[in-house]
Amino acid sequence: MATLTDIGKLITTDANSNRPVIAGTRTSVRRIAGLYNQGNNAEEIARRLNHLTITQIYAALTYYHANRLEIDQDIAAEQTAYEELAKQHYQATKP
């Protein structure tokens, strides 16, 4: 008889960042979502991140789709913070 995988155990919360990650790895659901939003499908992501199984990729994508608003907001907030830091750096180095 085949062993069944409890997909609920494939995603956990990272204690340091309090963000969802693939259990047993430091790979965040955000990273998977970012690659997916760039047009990569699950198989392409699995080839690119070859330390992950296709099952882990699909679990991350399922989690992302179930929590899309929160994860997209988190990604947007980080992008805004990055742009602000880049702007400050540019202004500080401008002659």
N, C-alpha and C. Protein backbone atom coordinates (compact mmCIF):
# COMPACT_ATOMS: atom_id res chain seq x y z
N MET A 1 0.84 -1.18 0.00
CA MET A 1 0.00 0.00 0.00
C MET A 1 0.89 1.25 0.00
N ALA A 2 0.54 2.22 -0.81
CA ALA A 2 1.31 3.46 -0.92
C ALA A 2 1.14 4.30 0.34
N THR A 3 2.19 5.04 0.67
CA THR A 3 2.14 5.94 1.80
C THR A 3 1.51 7.26 1.35
N LEU A 4 0.54 7.73 2.11
CA LEU A 4 -0.11 8.99 1.77
C LEU A 4 0.62 10.15 2.44
N THR A 5 0.68 11.28 1.77
CA THR A 5 1.31 12.47 2.30
C THR A 5 0.24 13.43 2.80
N ASP A 6 0.39 13.86 4.04
CA ASP A 6 -0.50 14.86 4.60
C ASP A 6 0.00 16.22 4.13
N ILE A 7 -0.65 16.81 3.12
CA ILE A 7 -0.14 18.04 2.55
C ILE A 7 -0.19 19.21 3.54
N GLY A 8 -0.99 19.10 4.56
CA GLY A 8 -1.04 20.13 5.59
C GLY A 8 0.25 20.25 6.36
N LYS A 9 1.09 19.24 6.29
CA LYS A 9 2.36 19.26 7.01
C LYS A 9 3.52 19.71 6.13
N LEU A 10 3.24 20.04 4.89
CA LEU A 10 4.31 20.44 3.96
C LEU A 10 4.67 21.92 4.06
N ILE A 11 3.79 22.72 4.64
CA ILE A 11 4.05 24.14 4.82
C ILE A 11 4.02 24.44 6.31
N THR A 12 5.02 25.21 6.75
CA THR A 12 5.10 25.58 8.16
C THR A 12 5.45 27.07 8.23
N THR A 13 5.46 27.61 9.43
CA THR A 13 5.83 29.01 9.62
C THR A 13 7.25 29.10 10.13
N ASP A 14 8.07 29.91 9.47
CA ASP A 14 9.44 30.12 9.90
C ASP A 14 9.44 30.92 11.21
N ALA A 15 10.16 30.42 12.19
CA ALA A 15 10.19 31.06 13.51
C ALA A 15 10.82 32.45 13.47
N ASN A 16 11.76 32.68 12.58
CA ASN A 16 12.45 33.98 12.52
C ASN A 16 11.65 35.04 11.76
N SER A 17 11.14 34.68 10.61
CA SER A 17 10.45 35.67 9.77
C SER A 17 8.93 35.65 9.95
N ASN A 18 8.43 34.61 10.56
CA ASN A 18 6.98 34.41 10.74
C ASN A 18 6.26 34.32 9.39
N ARG A 19 6.99 33.86 8.36
CA ARG A 19 6.42 33.69 7.03
C ARG A 19 6.31 32.20 6.71
N PRO A 20 5.37 31.83 5.85
CA PRO A 20 5.25 30.42 5.48
C PRO A 20 6.41 29.94 4.64
N VAL A 21 6.92 28.77 4.99
CA VAL A 21 8.02 28.13 4.26
C VAL A 21 7.68 26.68 4.02
N ILE A 22 8.38 26.07 3.09
CA ILE A 22 8.23 24.64 2.86
C ILE A 22 8.92 23.93 4.01
N ALA A 23 8.20 23.06 4.68
CA ALA A 23 8.70 22.36 5.87
C ALA A 23 10.03 21.67 5.57
N GLY A 24 10.97 21.81 6.51
CA GLY A 24 12.26 21.17 6.37
C GLY A 24 13.23 21.92 5.48
N THR A 25 12.81 23.09 4.99
CA THR A 25 13.66 23.92 4.14
C THR A 25 13.58 25.35 4.63
N ARG A 26 14.35 26.21 4.03
CA ARG A 26 14.24 27.64 4.30
C ARG A 26 13.61 28.35 3.09
N THR A 27 13.03 27.58 2.20
CA THR A 27 12.43 28.14 0.99
C THR A 27 11.03 28.63 1.31
N SER A 28 10.82 29.92 1.08
CA SER A 28 9.54 30.53 1.43
C SER A 28 8.49 30.32 0.33
N VAL A 29 7.25 30.34 0.77
CA VAL A 29 6.14 30.31 -0.18
C VAL A 29 6.22 31.55 -1.07
N ARG A 30 6.66 32.67 -0.51
CA ARG A 30 6.83 33.90 -1.30
C ARG A 30 7.77 33.68 -2.47
N ARG A 31 8.85 32.95 -2.25
CA ARG A 31 9.80 32.70 -3.34
C ARG A 31 9.14 31.89 -4.45
N ILE A 32 8.40 30.87 -4.06
CA ILE A 32 7.68 30.06 -5.04
C ILE A 32 6.66 30.93 -5.77
N ALA A 33 5.92 31.75 -5.02
CA ALA A 33 4.91 32.63 -5.61
C ALA A 33 5.55 33.61 -6.58
N GLY A 34 6.72 34.13 -6.22
CA GLY A 34 7.42 35.06 -7.11
C GLY A 34 7.79 34.42 -8.43
N LEU A 35 8.32 33.21 -8.36
CA LEU A 35 8.68 32.49 -9.59
C LEU A 35 7.44 32.18 -10.42
N TYR A 36 6.37 31.79 -9.73
CA TYR A 36 5.11 31.49 -10.41
C TYR A 36 4.56 32.74 -11.10
N ASN A 37 4.61 33.88 -10.40
CA ASN A 37 4.09 35.13 -10.97
C ASN A 37 4.96 35.67 -12.10
N GLN A 38 6.18 35.16 -12.23
CA GLN A 38 7.04 35.52 -13.36
C GLN A 38 6.75 34.66 -14.58
N GLY A 39 5.79 33.73 -14.43
CA GLY A 39 5.38 32.92 -15.57
C GLY A 39 5.88 31.48 -15.55
N ASN A 40 6.57 31.08 -14.48
CA ASN A 40 7.05 29.71 -14.38
C ASN A 40 5.94 28.79 -13.89
N ASN A 41 5.84 27.61 -14.47
CA ASN A 41 4.88 26.63 -13.95
C ASN A 41 5.56 25.77 -12.88
N ALA A 42 4.82 24.90 -12.26
CA ALA A 42 5.36 24.10 -11.15
C ALA A 42 6.56 23.26 -11.57
N GLU A 43 6.51 22.68 -12.74
CA GLU A 43 7.62 21.85 -13.21
C GLU A 43 8.88 22.68 -13.43
N GLU A 44 8.72 23.87 -13.99
CA GLU A 44 9.86 24.76 -14.19
C GLU A 44 10.46 25.21 -12.85
N ILE A 45 9.61 25.49 -11.89
CA ILE A 45 10.09 25.88 -10.56
C ILE A 45 10.85 24.72 -9.93
N ALA A 46 10.33 23.50 -10.06
CA ALA A 46 10.99 22.32 -9.49
C ALA A 46 12.36 22.10 -10.14
N ARG A 47 12.47 22.34 -11.44
CA ARG A 47 13.77 22.21 -12.10
C ARG A 47 14.74 23.28 -11.61
N ARG A 48 14.24 24.47 -11.42
CA ARG A 48 15.08 25.59 -10.97
C ARG A 48 15.52 25.43 -9.52
N LEU A 49 14.60 24.97 -8.68
CA LEU A 49 14.89 24.75 -7.26
C LEU A 49 14.94 23.24 -7.02
N ASN A 50 15.99 22.63 -7.53
CA ASN A 50 16.03 21.16 -7.57
C ASN A 50 16.19 20.49 -6.20
N HIS A 51 16.28 21.25 -5.13
CA HIS A 51 16.29 20.66 -3.80
C HIS A 51 14.87 20.41 -3.30
N LEU A 52 13.87 20.84 -4.07
CA LEU A 52 12.47 20.65 -3.71
C LEU A 52 11.82 19.62 -4.61
N THR A 53 10.83 18.93 -4.08
CA THR A 53 10.07 17.97 -4.88
C THR A 53 8.89 18.69 -5.54
N ILE A 54 8.36 18.08 -6.56
CA ILE A 54 7.19 18.66 -7.22
C ILE A 54 6.01 18.74 -6.24
N THR A 55 5.94 17.80 -5.31
CA THR A 55 4.89 17.82 -4.29
C THR A 55 5.03 19.06 -3.41
N GLN A 56 6.25 19.39 -3.03
CA GLN A 56 6.48 20.59 -2.22
C GLN A 56 6.12 21.86 -2.98
N ILE A 57 6.44 21.89 -4.27
CA ILE A 57 6.11 23.05 -5.09
C ILE A 57 4.60 23.23 -5.16
N TYR A 58 3.88 22.14 -5.43
CA TYR A 58 2.43 22.24 -5.52
C TYR A 58 1.81 22.61 -4.17
N ALA A 59 2.38 22.14 -3.07
CA ALA A 59 1.88 22.52 -1.75
C ALA A 59 2.06 24.03 -1.54
N ALA A 60 3.22 24.55 -1.92
CA ALA A 60 3.47 25.99 -1.79
C ALA A 60 2.52 26.79 -2.67
N LEU A 61 2.29 26.33 -3.90
CA LEU A 61 1.37 27.03 -4.79
C LEU A 61 -0.06 26.97 -4.27
N THR A 62 -0.44 25.84 -3.70
CA THR A 62 -1.78 25.72 -3.12
C THR A 62 -1.93 26.69 -1.95
N TYR A 63 -0.91 26.74 -1.10
CA TYR A 63 -0.93 27.67 0.04
C TYR A 63 -1.01 29.10 -0.48
N TYR A 64 -0.23 29.42 -1.50
CA TYR A 64 -0.25 30.76 -2.07
C TYR A 64 -1.64 31.12 -2.58
N HIS A 65 -2.25 30.24 -3.34
CA HIS A 65 -3.57 30.54 -3.90
C HIS A 65 -4.64 30.66 -2.81
N ALA A 66 -4.48 29.91 -1.74
CA ALA A 66 -5.44 29.99 -0.63
C ALA A 66 -5.25 31.25 0.21
N ASN A 67 -4.06 31.86 0.13
CA ASN A 67 -3.72 33.03 0.94
C ASN A 67 -3.12 34.14 0.07
N ARG A 68 -3.59 34.23 -1.13
CA ARG A 68 -2.98 35.10 -2.14
C ARG A 68 -2.94 36.57 -1.72
N LEU A 69 -4.01 37.09 -1.18
CA LEU A 69 -4.06 38.50 -0.81
C LEU A 69 -2.95 38.84 0.19
N GLU A 70 -2.82 38.05 1.24
CA GLU A 70 -1.82 38.32 2.27
C GLU A 70 -0.40 38.21 1.72
N ILE A 71 -0.15 37.20 0.92
CA ILE A 71 1.20 37.00 0.38
C ILE A 71 1.53 38.09 -0.64
N ASP A 72 0.58 38.44 -1.50
CA ASP A 72 0.83 39.51 -2.47
C ASP A 72 1.07 40.85 -1.76
N GLN A 73 0.33 41.10 -0.68
CA GLN A 73 0.55 42.33 0.09
C GLN A 73 1.95 42.33 0.72
N ASP A 74 2.39 41.20 1.22
CA ASP A 74 3.71 41.07 1.82
C ASP A 74 4.80 41.33 0.77
N ILE A 75 4.62 40.76 -0.41
CA ILE A 75 5.58 40.96 -1.50
C ILE A 75 5.60 42.43 -1.91
N ALA A 76 4.44 43.06 -2.02
CA ALA A 76 4.35 44.47 -2.41
C ALA A 76 5.00 45.37 -1.35
N ALA A 77 4.79 45.07 -0.08
CA ALA A 77 5.39 45.87 0.99
C ALA A 77 6.91 45.77 0.95
N GLU A 78 7.43 44.59 0.70
CA GLU A 78 8.88 44.44 0.61
C GLU A 78 9.43 45.17 -0.61
N GLN A 79 8.73 45.15 -1.73
CA GLN A 79 9.15 45.86 -2.92
C GLN A 79 9.18 47.37 -2.66
N THR A 80 8.17 47.88 -1.97
CA THR A 80 8.11 49.30 -1.62
C THR A 80 9.28 49.68 -0.72
N ALA A 81 9.56 48.85 0.27
CA ALA A 81 10.69 49.12 1.18
C ALA A 81 12.00 49.11 0.41
N TYR A 82 12.16 48.17 -0.50
CA TYR A 82 13.38 48.11 -1.33
C TYR A 82 13.53 49.39 -2.16
N GLU A 83 12.44 49.81 -2.79
CA GLU A 83 12.50 51.00 -3.63
C GLU A 83 12.83 52.25 -2.81
N GLU A 84 12.31 52.34 -1.60
CA GLU A 84 12.60 53.47 -0.73
C GLU A 84 14.08 53.48 -0.33
N LEU A 85 14.61 52.32 0.01
CA LEU A 85 16.04 52.22 0.35
C LEU A 85 16.92 52.58 -0.85
N ALA A 86 16.54 52.11 -2.03
CA ALA A 86 17.31 52.42 -3.23
C ALA A 86 17.28 53.92 -3.51
N LYS A 87 16.15 54.53 -3.31
CA LYS A 87 16.00 55.98 -3.50
C LYS A 87 16.88 56.75 -2.51
N GLN A 88 16.86 56.33 -1.25
CA GLN A 88 17.70 56.97 -0.23
C GLN A 88 19.18 56.81 -0.57
N HIS A 89 19.56 55.62 -1.02
CA HIS A 89 20.95 55.38 -1.40
C HIS A 89 21.36 56.27 -2.56
N TYR A 90 20.50 56.36 -3.54
CA TYR A 90 20.78 57.19 -4.72
C TYR A 90 20.97 58.65 -4.30
N GLN A 91 20.08 59.14 -3.45
CA GLN A 91 20.16 60.54 -3.01
C GLN A 91 21.41 60.78 -2.17
N ALA A 92 21.82 59.79 -1.38
CA ALA A 92 23.00 59.93 -0.54
C ALA A 92 24.28 59.93 -1.35
N THR A 93 24.28 59.27 -2.50
CA THR A 93 25.50 59.18 -3.32
C THR A 93 25.50 60.18 -4.47
N LYS A 94 24.44 60.93 -4.61
CA LYS A 94 24.31 61.92 -5.68
C LYS A 94 25.21 63.11 -5.37
N PRO A 95 26.04 63.52 -6.33
CA PRO A 95 26.93 64.66 -6.08
C PRO A 95 26.22 65.98 -5.95
